[in-house]
Amino acid sequence: MDGRFDTAASRQATRFDAIQGRFDPWLLGCFIALAALGLVMVASSSLAIAESRDLTPLYYFNRHAAFLGVGILLAGLVMTRGDIRRIEQYSRLLPIIGILILLLVLVPGLGHTVKGARRWISLGPIGFQPAEAVKLILIVWLASYLARFSDEVKGAWTAMFKAFGVALVFSAILLLLHKDFGTTALVLAITAGMMVLGGVHMPRMVLPVLAIMPLLVLMILLEPYRVQRLVSFSDPWKDPFGSGYQLTNALMAVGRGEFAGVGLGGSVQKLSYLPEAYTDFIMAVIAEELGFVGVCLVITLYAVLVGRAFWIGLQCVEMRRHFAGYLAFGIGLWIALQAFVSIGVNLGLLPTKGLTLPLVSSGGSSILVTCVGMGLLLRVSWELERARRQVALRRDSAMPATAAAVATVDARPANESAATSPKPVREAANVAADMLAEAGERTRSTLARLLDRTPKAKYTESRPRRERVEPSFGGASGQ
C-alpha cells in the first residue's frame, strides 16, 4: 500500500515539475512596441546627424539595431534559462561587484572619457557605461535584502540605514568619479521607492531624506555647469543660443508637432538644430513628427508596462514569493522614473539631464541593461503563472485523493483498527471527517437561524388545533 502511495506521490511531483508558465502578454507587447518604436525613431532622427559627421546615413540606426539585437538575445536567455531562486542565492555579492564595475574606469587603457566625464569602459570598438549596469545590480540586491530582512527593515533603523548605505556608496562613486548627477538621483530615488514598497514606515524615511538633500544641493553648487542648467531651465529663452539652446529647440519641436505631428521623417529640429536628437532628446522628435497623439501613445505604453510590473509584483508578494515581487517592483520603478525624467526634460518640465528614454533612445549600454531588466521581469511573470497552475493542480488533485481515501476507510472491516491504516489514508480520512463535521455544523446553524427568523404566532397558527385531553387515573373513568 505504501509503495503505491509513494509511486503516486512521485508521479504527482513529476506532473508539478512538468507544468510550464506563461509570459505576461501585456509586458511582452509593450516591450516589443517600445523597441520597434525606438528603431523607427532612431532611424528618422539620426539621418541628418550622421551625414553631418561624414558617416553613412544609417550608421546610428545600424548601431542601435545591433545593440538591440544583442539585448533581445540576452533578454531571451534570461527569460528561458534564468532561475529567480538562483539569482537570489548569488545576490549578496552584487554590491561588491557593482563597486568594482564603477571603479573600472580608473584602469589605464580601459577607462574612457567622453565630454569631460570619465564614465565609459572601452571594450575594443564597443564602449560600455558601468552606471547603467549599477541600476539593475542595485535593484536585484535591494529585492534580496528586503526579502531577507523584511521585518527588520520595518522595525529597526539599522536595517534601513544599511540599504541606504549601499546606495550612498554607489552615489558617491557616481558623483565624485563619474560626475553623473542624473544617475545618482535616479539610484537614490529607486532605493527610497523600494524601501517604501518594502514596508518601511514613511516617518522613518524623513531622516535619510533630510540627510541626503543637503548633500545633493552641495554637489549641484560645486559644479558651475549644473547651476547653469538650473538657471537656464527657469528661463531658457533668456539665452536661447547659449545655456538654453537645448531646451529652446526641444520646446520648438514639441510646439511644431501640435496634435497629429508633421509626419514621420518631417522634423526640422533634427536637422542639426536639436542636439542629441537620437538619444537624450528623441522624445522631442517624436512630439514633432507624431504630435500629441504620438506622445500620448508613448506615455500609455510606459504606463501599461509599469502598471503590469507593479501588479505582477503584488501578486508575487501575496503568494509569498517576496524576492520576485520586490524585483518586479524595482524594475517597474526604474522604468517609470527614468521615462518620467527623460520625457520631463524634453517637455521642459525638468532640468536637462542625460538620461535616455528606455528602449527607445539610442544608447548601447542603456539598451543592453534595459533588455536584461525586461527579461528578468518577464521571467518573474512566467514563474508566477507556473506557481498559480501548480497550486490549482494541487487543489484539483487533493479532492479525488480525499474521496478515494474515505472510500478505502469505509470499505475496511469494522473490527480492524484505524491505527493500522496507512498514514496517507488516515490523514485523508481525518480531513474528510473534519470537512463533514464542519458541513453539518453549518447546516445546523443555518436551520437554527431560519427558525429564529420565523414569526412565532404565524408558526403556531399553521399547526392544526387539538382538544386537550385530561389524563385519567383509575376511578376517574367510572364517574
Foldseek 3Di string as FASTA:
>chain_A
DVVVVVVVVVVLVVVLVPFFFDFDPLLVVLLVVLLVQQLQLLLLLQQLVQVVVVHHSCPLSVVLVVLLVVLLVLLVCCQPPNDLVVLLVPLVCLLVVLVVLLCQLVDPPQFDDDPRFRQWGDDDPDIAGSLLVVLLSLLLNLLSLLLVCLVCLAPPLVSLVVSVVSLVVSLVSCCPHGVALPSNVLSNVLSVQLSVVSNHDPVSVPVVVVVVVVVSVVSQVVDVLSVLLVVCLVPVVVCCPPSSVQQVLLQVLLVQQAAQAPARSPGDCSNPRHPLCQWLQVVSPQCRHGNPVSNVVNVVSLVSNLVVLQVLLVLCVVVVVRSLSSLSNSLSSSLVVLQVVSVCCSNSNDGDHRGGNQSNGRDSNRSNSNSNSSSSSSSSNRVSRSVVVSVVVVVVVLVVLLVVLCVVVVPDDPPDDPVPDDPSSVVSNVVVVVVVVVVVVVVVVVVVVVVVVDDPVVVVVVDDDDDDDDDDDPPVVVD
